[in-house]
Amino acid sequence: QVHLVESGGGLVQAGGSLRLSCAASRDTFGTRAMAWFRQAPGKEREFVAAISWTTTTYSDSVKGRFTISRDNTLNTVYLQMNGLKPEDTAIYYCARSRSPARTIVALEYDSWGQGTQVTVSS
């Protein structure tokens, strides 16, 4: 059973930066795509970014501001968030895909972390 643990959330002013980390309990990153999703209060969970072995995908709302990366030797995936906006406020979740292919569909991810809160003040 893969156990994903997110960290790095917090409170930041608009325009600031945060770096989220997601560590896995065992080595699965080599073959699976990984992704970040987020859920704001009263809203559906939405896709943020995904990474396969070499390629990335971003939602339009974060493209150019966020960067997803992975370190397979550390079993960790990162989300660097720059130029944060109040509308980025949400709980951010790390997820592992069922396959090596990256996808924006939440149902294609079979393991999820507990989430980390990101709050951006205006």
N, C-alpha and C. Protein backbone atom coordinates (compact mmCIF):
# COMPACT_ATOMS: atom_id res chain seq x y z
N GLN A 1 0.85 -1.18 0.00
CA GLN A 1 0.00 0.00 0.00
C GLN A 1 0.89 1.24 0.00
N VAL A 2 0.66 2.12 -0.98
CA VAL A 2 1.43 3.36 -1.04
C VAL A 2 0.83 4.38 -0.10
N HIS A 3 1.67 5.06 0.62
CA HIS A 3 1.23 6.10 1.55
C HIS A 3 1.87 7.39 1.12
N LEU A 4 1.05 8.39 0.77
CA LEU A 4 1.54 9.68 0.29
C LEU A 4 1.35 10.73 1.37
N VAL A 5 2.41 11.51 1.63
CA VAL A 5 2.37 12.54 2.67
C VAL A 5 2.78 13.87 2.07
N GLU A 6 1.85 14.85 2.08
CA GLU A 6 2.15 16.18 1.58
C GLU A 6 2.67 17.07 2.70
N SER A 7 3.46 18.05 2.32
CA SER A 7 3.94 19.06 3.26
C SER A 7 4.24 20.33 2.49
N GLY A 8 4.43 21.43 3.22
CA GLY A 8 4.84 22.68 2.60
C GLY A 8 3.75 23.73 2.47
N GLY A 9 2.53 23.37 2.85
CA GLY A 9 1.46 24.35 2.78
C GLY A 9 1.63 25.43 3.85
N GLY A 10 0.79 26.46 3.75
CA GLY A 10 0.85 27.53 4.73
C GLY A 10 0.10 28.75 4.28
N LEU A 11 0.34 29.85 4.98
CA LEU A 11 -0.29 31.13 4.69
C LEU A 11 0.74 32.04 4.01
N VAL A 12 0.34 32.63 2.88
CA VAL A 12 1.26 33.49 2.15
C VAL A 12 0.47 34.65 1.56
N GLN A 13 1.12 35.78 1.36
CA GLN A 13 0.46 36.92 0.75
C GLN A 13 0.40 36.75 -0.77
N ALA A 14 -0.55 37.40 -1.37
CA ALA A 14 -0.68 37.36 -2.83
C ALA A 14 0.64 37.80 -3.47
N GLY A 15 1.02 37.06 -4.51
CA GLY A 15 2.29 37.31 -5.17
C GLY A 15 3.45 36.50 -4.63
N GLY A 16 3.23 35.86 -3.50
CA GLY A 16 4.28 35.07 -2.87
C GLY A 16 4.41 33.68 -3.47
N SER A 17 5.28 32.88 -2.85
CA SER A 17 5.58 31.54 -3.35
C SER A 17 5.53 30.51 -2.23
N LEU A 18 5.22 29.29 -2.61
CA LEU A 18 5.29 28.13 -1.72
C LEU A 18 5.77 26.94 -2.54
N ARG A 19 6.39 26.00 -1.86
CA ARG A 19 6.79 24.75 -2.51
C ARG A 19 6.20 23.59 -1.73
N LEU A 20 5.34 22.84 -2.39
CA LEU A 20 4.74 21.67 -1.79
C LEU A 20 5.57 20.44 -2.11
N SER A 21 5.62 19.51 -1.17
CA SER A 21 6.31 18.24 -1.37
C SER A 21 5.35 17.09 -1.08
N CYS A 22 5.57 15.99 -1.77
CA CYS A 22 4.77 14.78 -1.54
C CYS A 22 5.71 13.60 -1.53
N ALA A 23 5.83 12.96 -0.39
CA ALA A 23 6.73 11.82 -0.23
C ALA A 23 5.94 10.53 -0.19
N ALA A 24 6.45 9.52 -0.89
CA ALA A 24 5.82 8.20 -0.91
C ALA A 24 6.52 7.28 0.06
N SER A 25 5.75 6.31 0.57
CA SER A 25 6.29 5.41 1.56
C SER A 25 7.14 4.30 0.94
N ARG A 26 6.98 4.05 -0.32
CA ARG A 26 7.83 3.07 -0.97
C ARG A 26 8.01 3.46 -2.42
N ASP A 27 8.93 2.78 -3.05
CA ASP A 27 9.37 3.21 -4.37
C ASP A 27 8.37 2.81 -5.44
N THR A 28 7.51 3.78 -5.85
CA THR A 28 6.59 3.51 -6.96
C THR A 28 6.69 4.58 -8.04
N PHE A 29 7.44 5.62 -7.78
CA PHE A 29 7.45 6.76 -8.70
C PHE A 29 8.04 6.42 -10.06
N GLY A 30 8.85 5.39 -10.11
CA GLY A 30 9.53 5.13 -11.36
C GLY A 30 8.62 4.77 -12.50
N THR A 31 7.43 4.24 -12.21
CA THR A 31 6.55 3.76 -13.27
C THR A 31 5.20 4.49 -13.33
N ARG A 32 4.89 5.28 -12.32
CA ARG A 32 3.57 5.90 -12.29
C ARG A 32 3.65 7.42 -12.49
N ALA A 33 2.65 7.94 -13.16
CA ALA A 33 2.51 9.39 -13.21
C ALA A 33 2.02 9.88 -11.85
N MET A 34 2.36 11.11 -11.53
CA MET A 34 1.95 11.73 -10.27
C MET A 34 1.27 13.06 -10.58
N ALA A 35 0.43 13.50 -9.67
CA ALA A 35 -0.30 14.74 -9.93
C ALA A 35 -0.63 15.46 -8.63
N TRP A 36 -0.97 16.72 -8.80
CA TRP A 36 -1.52 17.54 -7.73
C TRP A 36 -2.93 17.96 -8.13
N PHE A 37 -3.84 17.84 -7.17
CA PHE A 37 -5.20 18.35 -7.30
C PHE A 37 -5.43 19.32 -6.15
N ARG A 38 -6.49 20.09 -6.23
CA ARG A 38 -6.82 20.99 -5.12
C ARG A 38 -8.34 21.09 -4.98
N GLN A 39 -8.76 21.42 -3.77
CA GLN A 39 -10.17 21.59 -3.51
C GLN A 39 -10.38 22.79 -2.60
N ALA A 40 -11.10 23.77 -3.10
CA ALA A 40 -11.43 24.96 -2.33
C ALA A 40 -12.77 24.72 -1.63
N PRO A 41 -13.06 25.45 -0.56
CA PRO A 41 -14.32 25.27 0.17
C PRO A 41 -15.52 25.46 -0.75
N GLY A 42 -16.43 24.48 -0.71
CA GLY A 42 -17.64 24.57 -1.50
C GLY A 42 -17.48 24.28 -2.97
N LYS A 43 -16.28 23.84 -3.37
CA LYS A 43 -16.03 23.57 -4.79
C LYS A 43 -15.59 22.13 -4.99
N GLU A 44 -15.69 21.70 -6.26
CA GLU A 44 -15.23 20.36 -6.62
C GLU A 44 -13.71 20.31 -6.60
N ARG A 45 -13.19 19.08 -6.41
CA ARG A 45 -11.75 18.89 -6.51
C ARG A 45 -11.35 19.11 -7.97
N GLU A 46 -10.27 19.85 -8.19
CA GLU A 46 -9.85 20.16 -9.55
C GLU A 46 -8.39 19.81 -9.78
N PHE A 47 -8.10 19.46 -11.01
CA PHE A 47 -6.75 19.12 -11.43
C PHE A 47 -5.88 20.37 -11.43
N VAL A 48 -4.62 20.21 -10.99
CA VAL A 48 -3.67 21.30 -11.00
C VAL A 48 -2.52 21.01 -11.96
N ALA A 49 -1.84 19.89 -11.75
CA ALA A 49 -0.68 19.55 -12.57
C ALA A 49 -0.38 18.06 -12.47
N ALA A 50 0.22 17.52 -13.52
CA ALA A 50 0.61 16.11 -13.52
C ALA A 50 1.95 15.95 -14.20
N ILE A 51 2.65 14.88 -13.83
CA ILE A 51 3.96 14.61 -14.41
C ILE A 51 4.12 13.11 -14.64
N SER A 52 4.55 12.76 -15.85
CA SER A 52 4.91 11.38 -16.11
C SER A 52 6.43 11.27 -15.96
N TRP A 53 7.05 10.37 -16.66
CA TRP A 53 8.51 10.25 -16.52
C TRP A 53 9.24 11.50 -17.00
N THR A 54 8.74 12.08 -18.12
CA THR A 54 9.47 13.21 -18.71
C THR A 54 8.61 14.39 -19.08
N THR A 55 7.30 14.26 -19.01
CA THR A 55 6.44 15.34 -19.50
C THR A 55 5.47 15.80 -18.41
N THR A 56 4.99 17.03 -18.59
CA THR A 56 4.10 17.64 -17.61
C THR A 56 2.85 18.20 -18.27
N THR A 57 1.82 18.34 -17.46
CA THR A 57 0.56 18.94 -17.89
C THR A 57 0.06 19.85 -16.78
N TYR A 58 -0.47 21.01 -17.17
CA TYR A 58 -0.97 21.96 -16.19
C TYR A 58 -2.38 22.42 -16.55
N SER A 59 -3.13 22.78 -15.53
CA SER A 59 -4.41 23.43 -15.79
C SER A 59 -4.14 24.84 -16.29
N ASP A 60 -5.07 25.38 -17.02
CA ASP A 60 -4.89 26.73 -17.55
C ASP A 60 -4.75 27.76 -16.44
N SER A 61 -5.38 27.50 -15.31
CA SER A 61 -5.38 28.49 -14.23
C SER A 61 -4.02 28.63 -13.55
N VAL A 62 -3.14 27.64 -13.69
CA VAL A 62 -1.83 27.70 -13.01
C VAL A 62 -0.67 27.72 -13.99
N LYS A 63 -0.95 27.52 -15.27
CA LYS A 63 0.12 27.44 -16.26
C LYS A 63 0.94 28.73 -16.26
N GLY A 64 2.26 28.57 -16.21
CA GLY A 64 3.15 29.72 -16.17
C GLY A 64 3.48 30.21 -14.78
N ARG A 65 2.75 29.72 -13.78
CA ARG A 65 3.01 30.12 -12.39
C ARG A 65 3.48 28.95 -11.54
N PHE A 66 2.95 27.76 -11.82
CA PHE A 66 3.28 26.56 -11.04
C PHE A 66 4.19 25.65 -11.86
N THR A 67 5.06 24.90 -11.15
CA THR A 67 5.92 23.92 -11.79
C THR A 67 5.90 22.62 -11.00
N ILE A 68 5.57 21.53 -11.67
CA ILE A 68 5.60 20.22 -11.04
C ILE A 68 6.90 19.52 -11.42
N SER A 69 7.49 18.82 -10.46
CA SER A 69 8.71 18.09 -10.73
C SER A 69 8.75 16.85 -9.83
N ARG A 70 9.67 15.95 -10.13
CA ARG A 70 9.77 14.74 -9.33
C ARG A 70 11.22 14.34 -9.16
N ASP A 71 11.49 13.68 -8.04
CA ASP A 71 12.81 13.12 -7.77
C ASP A 71 12.59 11.65 -7.43
N ASN A 72 12.83 10.78 -8.40
CA ASN A 72 12.56 9.37 -8.20
C ASN A 72 13.50 8.72 -7.19
N THR A 73 14.66 9.30 -7.00
CA THR A 73 15.59 8.73 -6.01
C THR A 73 15.11 9.00 -4.59
N LEU A 74 14.32 10.06 -4.44
CA LEU A 74 13.78 10.41 -3.12
C LEU A 74 12.31 10.03 -2.98
N ASN A 75 11.75 9.45 -4.04
CA ASN A 75 10.32 9.10 -4.04
C ASN A 75 9.45 10.30 -3.71
N THR A 76 9.77 11.43 -4.29
CA THR A 76 9.10 12.68 -3.94
C THR A 76 8.70 13.46 -5.19
N VAL A 77 7.52 14.06 -5.13
CA VAL A 77 7.06 14.96 -6.19
C VAL A 77 6.84 16.33 -5.56
N TYR A 78 7.12 17.37 -6.33
CA TYR A 78 7.07 18.74 -5.83
C TYR A 78 6.09 19.58 -6.65
N LEU A 79 5.61 20.63 -6.03
CA LEU A 79 4.83 21.64 -6.75
C LEU A 79 5.34 23.01 -6.30
N GLN A 80 6.09 23.66 -7.19
CA GLN A 80 6.57 25.01 -6.92
C GLN A 80 5.50 25.98 -7.38
N MET A 81 5.02 26.80 -6.47
CA MET A 81 3.93 27.73 -6.76
C MET A 81 4.43 29.16 -6.61
N ASN A 82 4.46 29.88 -7.71
CA ASN A 82 4.88 31.28 -7.71
C ASN A 82 3.71 32.17 -8.12
N GLY A 83 3.81 33.44 -7.80
CA GLY A 83 2.75 34.36 -8.18
C GLY A 83 1.39 33.95 -7.65
N LEU A 84 1.36 33.52 -6.40
CA LEU A 84 0.11 33.00 -5.83
C LEU A 84 -0.97 34.07 -5.77
N LYS A 85 -2.20 33.63 -5.98
CA LYS A 85 -3.37 34.49 -5.96
C LYS A 85 -4.35 34.01 -4.91
N PRO A 86 -5.22 34.87 -4.39
CA PRO A 86 -6.21 34.42 -3.41
C PRO A 86 -7.05 33.25 -3.91
N GLU A 87 -7.31 33.18 -5.20
CA GLU A 87 -8.10 32.08 -5.75
C GLU A 87 -7.35 30.75 -5.78
N ASP A 88 -6.06 30.76 -5.44
CA ASP A 88 -5.31 29.51 -5.30
C ASP A 88 -5.53 28.88 -3.93
N THR A 89 -6.23 29.57 -3.04
CA THR A 89 -6.49 29.04 -1.71
C THR A 89 -7.30 27.76 -1.80
N ALA A 90 -6.77 26.69 -1.21
CA ALA A 90 -7.41 25.37 -1.28
C ALA A 90 -6.60 24.38 -0.46
N ILE A 91 -7.16 23.19 -0.31
CA ILE A 91 -6.38 22.06 0.17
C ILE A 91 -5.79 21.39 -1.06
N TYR A 92 -4.48 21.17 -1.04
CA TYR A 92 -3.78 20.57 -2.16
C TYR A 92 -3.47 19.10 -1.85
N TYR A 93 -3.82 18.25 -2.80
CA TYR A 93 -3.66 16.81 -2.64
C TYR A 93 -2.68 16.26 -3.68
N CYS A 94 -1.84 15.38 -3.22
CA CYS A 94 -0.95 14.62 -4.10
C CYS A 94 -1.63 13.31 -4.45
N ALA A 95 -1.42 12.83 -5.68
CA ALA A 95 -2.06 11.59 -6.10
C ALA A 95 -1.15 10.80 -7.03
N ARG A 96 -1.28 9.47 -6.97
CA ARG A 96 -0.51 8.58 -7.83
C ARG A 96 -1.44 7.95 -8.86
N SER A 97 -1.01 7.99 -10.12
CA SER A 97 -1.81 7.45 -11.20
C SER A 97 -1.80 5.92 -11.21
N ARG A 98 -2.81 5.34 -11.85
CA ARG A 98 -2.85 3.89 -12.03
C ARG A 98 -1.86 3.43 -13.10
N SER A 99 -1.32 4.38 -13.88
CA SER A 99 -0.45 4.01 -14.99
C SER A 99 0.65 5.05 -15.15
N PRO A 100 1.60 4.79 -16.07
CA PRO A 100 2.65 5.78 -16.34
C PRO A 100 2.14 7.03 -17.05
N ALA A 101 0.93 6.96 -17.60
CA ALA A 101 0.43 8.08 -18.39
C ALA A 101 -0.18 9.15 -17.48
N ARG A 102 0.17 10.40 -17.75
CA ARG A 102 -0.40 11.48 -16.96
C ARG A 102 -1.80 11.77 -17.47
N THR A 103 -2.68 12.16 -16.57
CA THR A 103 -4.06 12.42 -16.90
C THR A 103 -4.62 13.44 -15.95
N ILE A 104 -5.64 14.17 -16.40
CA ILE A 104 -6.27 15.17 -15.55
C ILE A 104 -7.48 14.59 -14.83
N VAL A 105 -7.80 13.34 -15.07
CA VAL A 105 -9.01 12.71 -14.52
C VAL A 105 -8.73 12.12 -13.15
N ALA A 106 -9.40 12.60 -12.13
CA ALA A 106 -9.15 12.16 -10.77
C ALA A 106 -9.37 10.65 -10.58
N LEU A 107 -10.32 10.07 -11.31
CA LEU A 107 -10.63 8.65 -11.16
C LEU A 107 -9.48 7.76 -11.62
N GLU A 108 -8.55 8.32 -12.38
CA GLU A 108 -7.41 7.55 -12.85
C GLU A 108 -6.28 7.50 -11.82
N TYR A 109 -6.49 8.08 -10.65
CA TYR A 109 -5.48 8.07 -9.60
C TYR A 109 -5.96 7.18 -8.46
N ASP A 110 -5.10 6.26 -8.01
CA ASP A 110 -5.55 5.25 -7.05
C ASP A 110 -5.03 5.45 -5.63
N SER A 111 -4.13 6.40 -5.44
CA SER A 111 -3.62 6.68 -4.09
C SER A 111 -3.59 8.19 -3.90
N TRP A 112 -4.03 8.62 -2.72
CA TRP A 112 -4.12 10.05 -2.42
C TRP A 112 -3.51 10.35 -1.06
N GLY A 113 -2.91 11.53 -0.95
CA GLY A 113 -2.44 11.99 0.34
C GLY A 113 -3.57 12.60 1.15
N GLN A 114 -3.24 13.07 2.35
CA GLN A 114 -4.25 13.64 3.24
C GLN A 114 -4.51 15.12 2.95
N GLY A 115 -3.65 15.73 2.17
CA GLY A 115 -3.82 17.13 1.79
C GLY A 115 -3.04 18.09 2.67
N THR A 116 -2.70 19.23 2.08
CA THR A 116 -2.04 20.30 2.82
C THR A 116 -2.71 21.62 2.45
N GLN A 117 -2.97 22.44 3.46
CA GLN A 117 -3.72 23.68 3.26
C GLN A 117 -2.82 24.79 2.73
N VAL A 118 -3.27 25.43 1.68
CA VAL A 118 -2.61 26.62 1.15
C VAL A 118 -3.60 27.78 1.23
N THR A 119 -3.19 28.84 1.90
CA THR A 119 -4.04 30.02 2.03
C THR A 119 -3.29 31.24 1.52
N VAL A 120 -3.90 31.95 0.58
CA VAL A 120 -3.28 33.14 0.00
C VAL A 120 -4.12 34.35 0.37
N SER A 121 -3.51 35.27 1.09
CA SER A 121 -4.23 36.47 1.51
C SER A 121 -4.04 37.59 0.50
N SER A 122 -5.05 38.44 0.39
CA SER A 122 -4.99 39.53 -0.59
C SER A 122 -4.40 40.79 0.02
